[in-house]
Amino acid sequence: MNIVYEPPLREYMAQKGRAVIAVEVMSSQHSDIEVTELYVHLISDRQAAYFKEKKRFRAVTGELGEVLLPPYRLEYDETVTFGLRKLWIFRSVTQTGIRL
């Protein structure tokens, strides 16, 4: 698996001093329709240790740091790309190449 970081995300990671991206599977069960989707975000080294030890996430090394993948059956493309989306003042990490 090749991991690619888009330039805006590279700058944001350097600005925040974070080098670990976590990919979590989130579910909403508070409505008539159950929604399950991927939640991608930057985490600290302390959080990364918790994800690896307690949640059993698998670490994949990228050129800027680690990507922590959940212990679920997900589909991965040969190239996984992480980017940064900005909506007004809010930023979020995006991904392409990983599917439920």
C-alpha atoms as a PDB file:
ATOM      1  CA  MET A   1       0.000   0.000   0.000  1.00  0.00           C
ATOM      2  CA  ASN A   2       1.384   3.391  -1.039  1.00  0.00           C
ATOM      3  CA  ILE A   3       0.426   6.338   1.143  1.00  0.00           C
ATOM      4  CA  VAL A   4       0.314   9.785  -0.466  1.00  0.00           C
ATOM      5  CA  TYR A   5      -0.044  13.069   1.441  1.00  0.00           C
ATOM      6  CA  GLU A   6      -1.375  16.116  -0.428  1.00  0.00           C
ATOM      7  CA  PRO A   7       0.606  19.370   0.043  1.00  0.00           C
ATOM      8  CA  PRO A   8      -2.038  21.220   2.150  1.00  0.00           C
ATOM      9  CA  LEU A   9      -2.119  18.282   4.592  1.00  0.00           C
ATOM     10  CA  ARG A  10       1.682  18.209   4.758  1.00  0.00           C
ATOM     11  CA  GLU A  11       1.705  21.879   5.773  1.00  0.00           C
ATOM     12  CA  TYR A  12      -1.093  21.390   8.308  1.00  0.00           C
ATOM     13  CA  MET A  13       0.652  18.401   9.917  1.00  0.00           C
ATOM     14  CA  ALA A  14       3.891  20.396  10.227  1.00  0.00           C
ATOM     15  CA  GLN A  15       1.996  23.352  11.693  1.00  0.00           C
ATOM     16  CA  LYS A  16       0.221  21.175  14.288  1.00  0.00           C
ATOM     17  CA  GLY A  17       3.278  19.018  15.025  1.00  0.00           C
ATOM     18  CA  ARG A  18       1.364  15.787  14.431  1.00  0.00           C
ATOM     19  CA  ALA A  19       2.606  12.820  12.433  1.00  0.00           C
ATOM     20  CA  VAL A  20      -0.055  10.152  13.059  1.00  0.00           C
ATOM     21  CA  ILE A  21      -3.328   9.776  11.143  1.00  0.00           C
ATOM     22  CA  ALA A  22      -6.051   7.540  12.597  1.00  0.00           C
ATOM     23  CA  VAL A  23      -8.764   5.944  10.454  1.00  0.00           C
ATOM     24  CA  GLU A  24     -11.750   4.950  12.601  1.00  0.00           C
ATOM     25  CA  VAL A  25     -15.068   3.324  11.749  1.00  0.00           C
ATOM     26  CA  MET A  26     -17.866   5.403  13.275  1.00  0.00           C
ATOM     27  CA  SER A  27     -21.523   4.370  13.563  1.00  0.00           C
ATOM     28  CA  SER A  28     -24.611   6.373  14.418  1.00  0.00           C
ATOM     29  CA  GLN A  29     -27.442   4.440  16.017  1.00  0.00           C
ATOM     30  CA  HIS A  30     -29.510   7.383  17.202  1.00  0.00           C
ATOM     31  CA  SER A  31     -31.861   7.625  14.269  1.00  0.00           C
ATOM     32  CA  ASP A  32     -34.132   5.491  12.148  1.00  0.00           C
ATOM     33  CA  ILE A  33     -31.327   5.083   9.628  1.00  0.00           C
ATOM     34  CA  GLU A  34     -28.079   3.552  10.813  1.00  0.00           C
ATOM     35  CA  VAL A  35     -25.030   5.282   9.350  1.00  0.00           C
ATOM     36  CA  THR A  36     -21.504   3.857   9.325  1.00  0.00           C
ATOM     37  CA  GLU A  37     -18.620   5.799   7.838  1.00  0.00           C
ATOM     38  CA  LEU A  38     -14.882   6.339   8.109  1.00  0.00           C
ATOM     39  CA  TYR A  39     -13.577   9.104  10.367  1.00  0.00           C
ATOM     40  CA  VAL A  40     -10.030  10.239   9.554  1.00  0.00           C
ATOM     41  CA  HIS A  41      -8.175  12.583  11.902  1.00  0.00           C
ATOM     42  CA  LEU A  42      -4.768  13.540  13.274  1.00  0.00           C
ATOM     43  CA  ILE A  43      -3.880  12.240  16.735  1.00  0.00           C
ATOM     44  CA  SER A  44      -1.099  12.763  19.241  1.00  0.00           C
ATOM     45  CA  ASP A  45       1.603  10.212  20.068  1.00  0.00           C
ATOM     46  CA  ARG A  46      -0.141   9.456  23.374  1.00  0.00           C
ATOM     47  CA  GLN A  47      -3.410   8.712  21.569  1.00  0.00           C
ATOM     48  CA  ALA A  48      -1.512   6.593  19.043  1.00  0.00           C
ATOM     49  CA  ALA A  49      -0.124   4.413  21.831  1.00  0.00           C
ATOM     50  CA  TYR A  50      -3.664   3.908  23.163  1.00  0.00           C
ATOM     51  CA  PHE A  51      -5.013   2.997  19.717  1.00  0.00           C
ATOM     52  CA  LYS A  52      -2.230   0.434  19.187  1.00  0.00           C
ATOM     53  CA  GLU A  53      -2.351  -1.196  22.623  1.00  0.00           C
ATOM     54  CA  LYS A  54      -6.006  -1.065  23.635  1.00  0.00           C
ATOM     55  CA  LYS A  55      -7.892  -0.829  20.353  1.00  0.00           C
ATOM     56  CA  ARG A  56      -5.426  -3.039  18.417  1.00  0.00           C
ATOM     57  CA  PHE A  57      -5.047  -0.699  15.448  1.00  0.00           C
ATOM     58  CA  ARG A  58      -2.492  -1.683  12.816  1.00  0.00           C
ATOM     59  CA  ALA A  59       0.251   0.837  12.056  1.00  0.00           C
ATOM     60  CA  VAL A  60       1.343   1.451   8.461  1.00  0.00           C
ATOM     61  CA  THR A  61       4.352   3.686   7.957  1.00  0.00           C
ATOM     62  CA  GLY A  62       4.051   6.568   5.511  1.00  0.00           C
ATOM     63  CA  GLU A  63       6.640   9.121   4.485  1.00  0.00           C
ATOM     64  CA  LEU A  64       5.500  11.658   7.127  1.00  0.00           C
ATOM     65  CA  GLY A  65       4.571   9.297   9.958  1.00  0.00           C
ATOM     66  CA  GLU A  66       2.166   6.498  10.737  1.00  0.00           C
ATOM     67  CA  VAL A  67      -1.355   5.723   9.605  1.00  0.00           C
ATOM     68  CA  LEU A  68      -3.342   3.675  12.121  1.00  0.00           C
ATOM     69  CA  LEU A  69      -5.903   1.350  10.550  1.00  0.00           C
ATOM     70  CA  PRO A  70      -8.743  -0.297  12.501  1.00  0.00           C
ATOM     71  CA  PRO A  71      -8.982  -4.056  13.053  1.00  0.00           C
ATOM     72  CA  TYR A  72     -11.931  -4.345  10.655  1.00  0.00           C
ATOM     73  CA  ARG A  73     -12.212  -5.715   7.152  1.00  0.00           C
ATOM     74  CA  LEU A  74     -11.799  -2.698   4.938  1.00  0.00           C
ATOM     75  CA  GLU A  75     -10.996  -2.525   1.241  1.00  0.00           C
ATOM     76  CA  TYR A  76      -7.761  -0.750   0.328  1.00  0.00           C
ATOM     77  CA  ASP A  77      -6.615   0.474  -3.077  1.00  0.00           C
ATOM     78  CA  GLU A  78      -2.958   0.189  -4.025  1.00  0.00           C
ATOM     79  CA  THR A  79      -2.585   3.944  -3.399  1.00  0.00           C
ATOM     80  CA  VAL A  80      -4.277   5.645  -0.440  1.00  0.00           C
ATOM     81  CA  THR A  81      -4.328   9.449  -0.581  1.00  0.00           C
ATOM     82  CA  PHE A  82      -4.829  11.740   2.418  1.00  0.00           C
ATOM     83  CA  GLY A  83      -5.746  15.382   1.946  1.00  0.00           C
ATOM     84  CA  LEU A  84      -7.112  18.393   3.818  1.00  0.00           C
ATOM     85  CA  ARG A  85     -10.519  19.970   3.360  1.00  0.00           C
ATOM     86  CA  LYS A  86     -11.347  23.398   4.731  1.00  0.00           C
ATOM     87  CA  LEU A  87     -14.927  24.494   5.283  1.00  0.00           C
ATOM     88  CA  TRP A  88     -15.078  28.051   6.531  1.00  0.00           C
ATOM     89  CA  ILE A  89     -12.688  27.893   9.564  1.00  0.00           C
ATOM     90  CA  PHE A  90     -12.925  24.144  10.113  1.00  0.00           C
ATOM     91  CA  ARG A  91     -10.364  21.705   8.711  1.00  0.00           C
ATOM     92  CA  SER A  92     -10.783  17.973   8.288  1.00  0.00           C
ATOM     93  CA  VAL A  93      -8.568  15.216   6.944  1.00  0.00           C
ATOM     94  CA  THR A  94      -9.910  13.454   3.855  1.00  0.00           C
ATOM     95  CA  GLN A  95      -8.981  10.134   2.287  1.00  0.00           C
ATOM     96  CA  THR A  96      -9.440   8.241  -0.934  1.00  0.00           C
ATOM     97  CA  GLY A  97      -8.621   4.590  -1.428  1.00  0.00           C
ATOM     98  CA  ILE A  98     -10.223   3.074   1.690  1.00  0.00           C
ATOM     99  CA  ARG A  99     -13.775   1.697   1.674  1.00  0.00           C
ATOM    100  CA  LEU A 100     -16.033  -0.083   4.129  1.00  0.00           C
END
